Protein backbone atom coordinates (compact mmCIF):
# COMPACT_ATOMS: atom_id res chain seq x y z
CA MET A 1 134.06 145.90 43.76
CA VAL A 2 133.13 148.68 46.21
CA PHE A 3 130.94 151.62 45.18
CA SER A 4 131.49 154.98 46.79
CA PHE A 5 128.65 157.28 47.81
CA ALA A 6 129.33 159.47 44.76
CA ASP A 7 129.04 156.42 42.47
CA LEU A 8 125.68 155.50 43.99
CA ILE A 9 124.41 159.06 43.49
CA THR A 10 125.55 158.95 39.85
CA ILE A 11 123.80 155.61 39.25
CA LEU A 12 120.64 156.86 40.94
CA ARG A 13 120.72 160.04 38.83
CA LYS A 14 120.98 158.00 35.63
CA ILE A 15 118.09 155.73 36.69
CA VAL A 16 115.90 158.77 37.39
CA ASP A 17 116.94 160.35 34.07
CA VAL A 18 116.08 157.22 32.04
CA SER A 19 112.80 156.73 33.96
CA ILE A 20 111.64 160.27 33.19
CA VAL A 21 112.46 159.86 29.49
CA TRP A 22 110.66 156.50 29.42
CA PHE A 23 107.60 157.99 31.11
CA VAL A 24 107.47 160.93 28.67
CA PHE A 25 107.71 158.61 25.65
CA TYR A 26 105.07 156.30 27.16
CA TYR A 27 102.65 159.16 27.73
CA ILE A 28 103.22 160.60 24.24
CA LEU A 29 102.69 157.21 22.55
CA LYS A 30 99.60 156.57 24.70
CA ASN A 31 98.02 159.84 23.54
CA ILE A 32 99.01 159.19 19.92
CA LYS A 33 97.28 155.81 20.08
CA ASN A 34 94.02 157.32 21.41
CA ASN A 35 93.97 160.38 19.14
CA VAL A 36 93.32 160.04 15.41
CA LYS A 37 94.84 163.42 14.55
CA LEU A 38 98.02 162.74 16.50
CA SER A 39 98.26 159.29 14.88
CA LEU A 40 98.20 160.91 11.43
CA LEU A 41 100.81 163.43 12.57
CA PHE A 42 103.06 160.61 13.83
CA LYS A 43 102.76 158.79 10.50
CA GLY A 44 103.62 162.02 8.67
CA LEU A 45 106.74 162.50 10.78
CA ILE A 46 107.85 158.93 10.04
CA LEU A 47 107.34 159.58 6.30
CA ILE A 48 109.44 162.77 6.48
CA ILE A 49 112.25 160.90 8.28
CA ILE A 50 112.20 158.17 5.61
CA LEU A 51 112.32 160.74 2.80
CA TRP A 52 115.16 162.54 4.54
CA GLY A 53 117.11 159.29 4.80
CA VAL A 54 116.52 158.50 1.11
CA SER A 55 117.52 162.00 -0.03
CA TYR A 56 120.68 161.93 2.13
CA THR A 57 121.68 158.47 0.86
CA LEU A 58 121.00 159.19 -2.82
CA LYS A 59 122.11 162.85 -2.58
CA LEU A 60 118.81 164.22 -3.92
CA THR A 61 119.35 167.97 -3.67
CA THR A 62 115.83 169.27 -4.35
CA ILE A 63 113.90 166.96 -2.04
CA GLY A 64 116.60 167.39 0.60
CA LEU A 65 116.22 171.18 0.45
CA LEU A 66 112.43 170.94 0.79
CA ILE A 67 112.72 168.59 3.78
CA ASP A 68 115.19 171.01 5.41
CA TYR A 69 112.57 173.77 5.11
CA VAL A 70 109.93 171.44 6.59
CA ILE A 71 112.20 170.55 9.52
CA GLN A 72 113.07 174.23 10.07
CA TRP A 73 109.49 175.64 10.04
CA GLY A 74 107.51 172.50 10.84
CA PRO A 75 107.54 172.81 14.66
CA ILE A 76 105.98 176.30 14.50
CA ALA A 77 103.27 175.08 12.12
CA LEU A 78 102.54 172.07 14.34
CA ILE A 79 102.14 174.26 17.42
CA VAL A 80 99.61 176.44 15.57
CA ILE A 81 97.67 173.56 13.98
CA PHE A 82 97.60 171.27 17.01
CA GLN A 83 97.15 173.93 19.68
CA PRO A 84 93.87 172.35 21.01
CA GLU A 85 95.51 168.91 21.34
CA ILE A 86 98.58 170.36 23.08
CA ARG A 87 96.35 172.27 25.50
CA THR A 88 94.34 169.12 26.26
CA ILE A 89 97.49 167.11 27.03
CA LEU A 90 98.82 169.84 29.34
CA GLU A 91 95.47 170.03 31.15
CA GLN A 92 95.51 166.27 31.64
CA LEU A 93 99.01 166.55 33.14
CA GLY A 94 97.70 169.21 35.51
CA ARG A 95 94.87 166.98 36.66
CA ASN A 96 97.24 164.06 37.40
CA GLN A 97 94.98 161.54 35.66
CA LEU A 98 97.71 159.67 33.82
CA LEU A 99 97.41 156.17 35.18
CA GLY A 100 94.08 154.75 34.13
CA ARG A 101 90.38 155.35 33.93
CA HIS A 102 88.45 157.61 36.32
CA LYS A 103 87.03 154.66 38.23
CA ILE A 104 87.30 150.91 37.81
CA LEU A 105 83.79 149.53 38.09
CA SER A 106 82.95 146.26 39.78
CA VAL A 107 80.95 143.62 37.91
CA ASP A 108 77.69 144.70 39.60
CA GLU A 109 78.37 148.37 38.86
CA ARG A 110 79.10 147.63 35.20
CA GLU A 111 75.91 145.59 34.89
CA HIS A 112 73.89 148.38 36.51
CA LEU A 113 75.51 150.97 34.23
CA VAL A 114 74.79 148.98 31.07
CA TYR A 115 71.22 148.17 32.17
CA GLU A 116 70.35 151.81 32.90
CA LEU A 117 71.96 153.04 29.68
CA VAL A 118 70.23 150.48 27.48
CA SER A 119 66.88 151.16 29.17
CA ALA A 120 67.26 154.90 28.59
CA ILE A 121 68.36 154.40 24.98
CA ASP A 122 65.37 152.13 24.31
CA THR A 123 62.94 154.81 25.50
CA LEU A 124 64.78 157.64 23.74
CA ARG A 125 64.76 155.89 20.37
CA LYS A 126 61.10 154.91 20.64
CA GLU A 127 60.08 158.47 21.55
CA ARG A 128 62.42 159.96 18.92
CA ILE A 129 64.24 162.04 21.53
CA GLY A 130 67.72 163.10 20.42
CA ALA A 131 70.55 162.34 22.84
CA LEU A 132 74.34 162.36 23.15
CA ILE A 133 75.73 160.28 26.03
CA VAL A 134 79.51 160.15 26.61
CA LEU A 135 81.35 157.69 28.84
CA GLU A 136 84.75 158.87 30.01
CA ARG A 137 87.57 156.31 30.05
CA ASP A 138 91.35 156.77 30.33
CA ILE A 139 91.55 160.26 28.80
CA SER A 140 90.09 162.96 31.05
CA LEU A 141 87.13 165.01 29.78
CA GLY A 142 87.60 167.63 32.49
CA ASN A 143 87.99 170.38 29.89
CA TYR A 144 84.39 169.80 28.74
CA ILE A 145 83.02 169.12 32.23
CA ASP A 146 84.28 172.50 33.48
CA LYS A 147 82.17 174.33 30.88
CA ALA A 148 79.00 172.24 31.37
CA LYS A 149 76.26 172.13 34.02
CA LYS A 150 77.51 170.01 36.94
CA LEU A 151 75.17 167.30 38.26
CA TYR A 152 77.20 164.58 40.04
CA ALA A 153 74.09 162.40 40.24
CA ASP A 154 73.61 158.64 40.45
CA LEU A 155 73.02 157.15 37.03
CA SER A 156 69.43 156.19 36.20
CA SER A 157 67.50 155.78 32.97
CA ASP A 158 64.76 158.14 34.22
CA LEU A 159 67.27 160.93 34.82
CA LEU A 160 68.85 160.49 31.38
CA ILE A 161 65.43 160.60 29.71
CA ALA A 162 64.48 163.72 31.68
CA ILE A 163 67.71 165.50 30.70
CA PHE A 164 67.15 164.96 26.98
CA TYR A 165 63.41 165.68 27.06
CA GLU A 166 62.71 168.53 24.65
CA GLY A 167 61.42 170.84 27.37
CA ASN A 168 64.67 170.59 29.36
CA PRO A 169 67.10 173.50 28.73
CA LEU A 170 70.03 171.03 28.78
CA HIS A 171 68.69 168.67 26.11
CA ASP A 172 70.80 170.12 23.28
CA GLY A 173 74.16 169.32 24.89
CA GLY A 174 75.82 166.06 25.82
CA VAL A 175 75.86 164.14 29.09
CA ILE A 176 79.21 162.97 30.48
CA ILE A 177 79.34 159.87 32.68
CA GLN A 178 82.35 159.17 34.89
CA GLY A 179 82.33 155.71 36.41
CA ASP A 180 78.67 155.07 37.27
CA ARG A 181 77.67 158.69 37.92
CA ILE A 182 76.35 161.45 35.67
CA THR A 183 78.92 164.22 36.10
CA CYS A 184 77.41 166.94 33.91
CA ALA A 185 74.88 167.80 31.22
CA GLY A 186 74.79 170.36 28.44
CA ALA A 187 78.40 169.65 27.44
CA VAL A 188 79.63 170.99 24.11
CA PHE A 189 82.17 168.99 22.08
CA PRO A 190 84.27 169.71 18.96
CA THR A 191 82.60 168.66 15.72
CA SER A 192 84.33 166.37 13.25
CA SER A 193 85.19 167.49 9.74
CA SER A 194 85.74 163.93 8.50
CA PRO A 195 84.64 163.46 4.87
CA LYS A 196 83.51 159.92 5.75
CA LEU A 197 80.64 161.28 7.85
CA ASN A 198 77.29 161.36 6.07
CA ARG A 199 76.32 164.97 5.32
CA ARG A 200 72.73 164.29 6.34
CA LEU A 201 73.77 163.57 9.92
CA GLY A 202 73.31 166.35 12.45
CA THR A 203 75.42 168.14 15.03
CA ARG A 204 75.16 165.35 17.64
CA HIS A 205 76.77 162.80 15.33
CA ARG A 206 79.52 165.23 14.31
CA ALA A 207 80.20 166.13 17.94
CA ALA A 208 80.32 162.45 18.94
CA LEU A 209 82.80 161.60 16.18
CA GLY A 210 84.84 164.73 16.89
CA LEU A 211 85.25 163.68 20.53
CA ALA A 212 85.98 160.05 19.55
CA GLU A 213 88.76 161.28 17.25
CA GLU A 214 90.48 163.15 20.09
CA THR A 215 89.81 160.85 23.09
CA ASP A 216 89.04 157.22 23.94
CA ALA A 217 85.52 158.06 25.18
CA ILE A 218 82.47 156.01 24.20
CA CYS A 219 79.98 158.37 22.52
CA ILE A 220 76.39 157.14 22.14
CA VAL A 221 74.03 159.05 19.83
CA VAL A 222 70.26 158.71 19.45
CA SER A 223 68.91 160.38 16.31
CA GLU A 224 66.01 162.76 16.86
CA GLU A 225 64.74 162.27 13.31
CA THR A 226 64.98 158.49 12.88
CA GLY A 227 65.43 157.13 16.40
CA ARG A 228 68.46 155.15 15.23
CA VAL A 229 71.33 154.53 17.63
CA SER A 230 74.98 155.09 16.72
CA ILE A 231 78.23 154.83 18.67
CA ALA A 232 81.41 156.79 17.96
CA LEU A 233 84.51 155.00 19.21
CA LYS A 234 88.22 155.16 18.42
CA GLY A 235 87.70 157.66 15.61
CA GLU A 236 84.96 155.65 13.88
CA MET A 237 81.17 155.92 13.76
CA LEU A 238 79.05 152.75 13.94
CA TYR A 239 75.54 153.34 12.61
CA ASN A 240 72.08 151.87 13.09
CA LEU A 241 72.90 149.60 16.04
CA THR A 242 70.38 147.35 17.77
CA LEU A 243 69.97 147.35 21.54
CA ASP A 244 71.81 144.03 21.69
CA ASP A 245 74.68 145.56 19.71
CA VAL A 246 74.86 148.48 22.13
CA ARG A 247 74.69 146.19 25.17
CA MET A 248 77.45 143.86 23.98
CA MET A 249 79.68 146.73 22.89
CA LEU A 250 79.35 148.47 26.26
CA ILE A 251 80.05 145.26 28.17
CA ASP A 252 83.16 144.63 26.08
CA GLU A 253 84.52 148.20 26.15
CA LEU A 254 83.93 148.74 29.87
CA LYS A 255 85.91 145.68 30.92
CA PRO A 256 88.89 146.49 33.15
CA LYS A 257 92.20 146.04 31.37
CA GLN A 258 93.23 143.14 33.59
CA ASP A 259 90.06 141.28 32.57
CA GLU A 260 90.86 141.85 28.89
CA GLU A 261 94.38 140.46 29.40
CA TYR A 262 92.94 137.46 31.25
CA ASP A 263 90.47 136.77 28.40
CA GLU A 264 93.34 136.91 25.90
CA ASP A 265 95.40 134.48 27.99
CA VAL A 266 92.48 132.05 28.33
CA SER A 267 91.82 132.26 24.59
CA GLY A 268 95.50 131.65 23.82
CA GLU A 269 95.63 128.61 26.13
CA ALA A 270 92.48 127.18 24.54
CA ASN A 271 93.95 127.57 21.05
CA TYR A 272 97.20 125.94 22.20
CA GLU A 273 95.34 122.96 23.67
CA GLU A 274 93.31 122.50 20.48
CA ASN A 275 96.50 122.41 18.44
């Protein structure tokens, strides 16, 4: 069977078409996975589709009419409600940071990062100095970096302590770390309105959880009143952590993805051999 040049062009066009659709779906699902609000929206859409199928099958006139109104006016409402999330996704597309974290750290760099962070957190909690430290991962935090005070400094515990010292004009905001460098200080993040958050917790905790609900960043909070350490991650807040808890969590979360897959393979092989 001989293919003409036109046939090859047609096949190539179809491959490009399917690849673009696959990439769009992959990127959408990736952002839904890392964003609590988008995850809830996705679940809501699935529920509406199921209800529509039931009403169509059973010929339920009233519920079918209501779903038609939702389908007709829903897109406009979603654009208004989720305008910040849509803007963030478009900004990430503009920055071309779609294929992984800002920087993959070596083992020595990860150990240095964790050591400096834990040392700073230990001093901050003992001195009752409030702090919000954010580690960027796959989802870009460029929107918040642009509005903060740029530093681009090597990470050190002394610098982190100095930033959050009460006399420093930047101590009220958050610090963003990209890779093993402090990118900016004085960053302002969206606050969470989650009812699960204790009302007695302050702005730092709400900002940390708000960012963790929208991105995959690791948000470390040191309470100014109690000196307790909390971490907001994947839309959840973990309270009153020990230094060992913080150290182990950072080591685990900062592992490159290929290392995580390797650990899973080794664990699976070990379980297979035991059986």
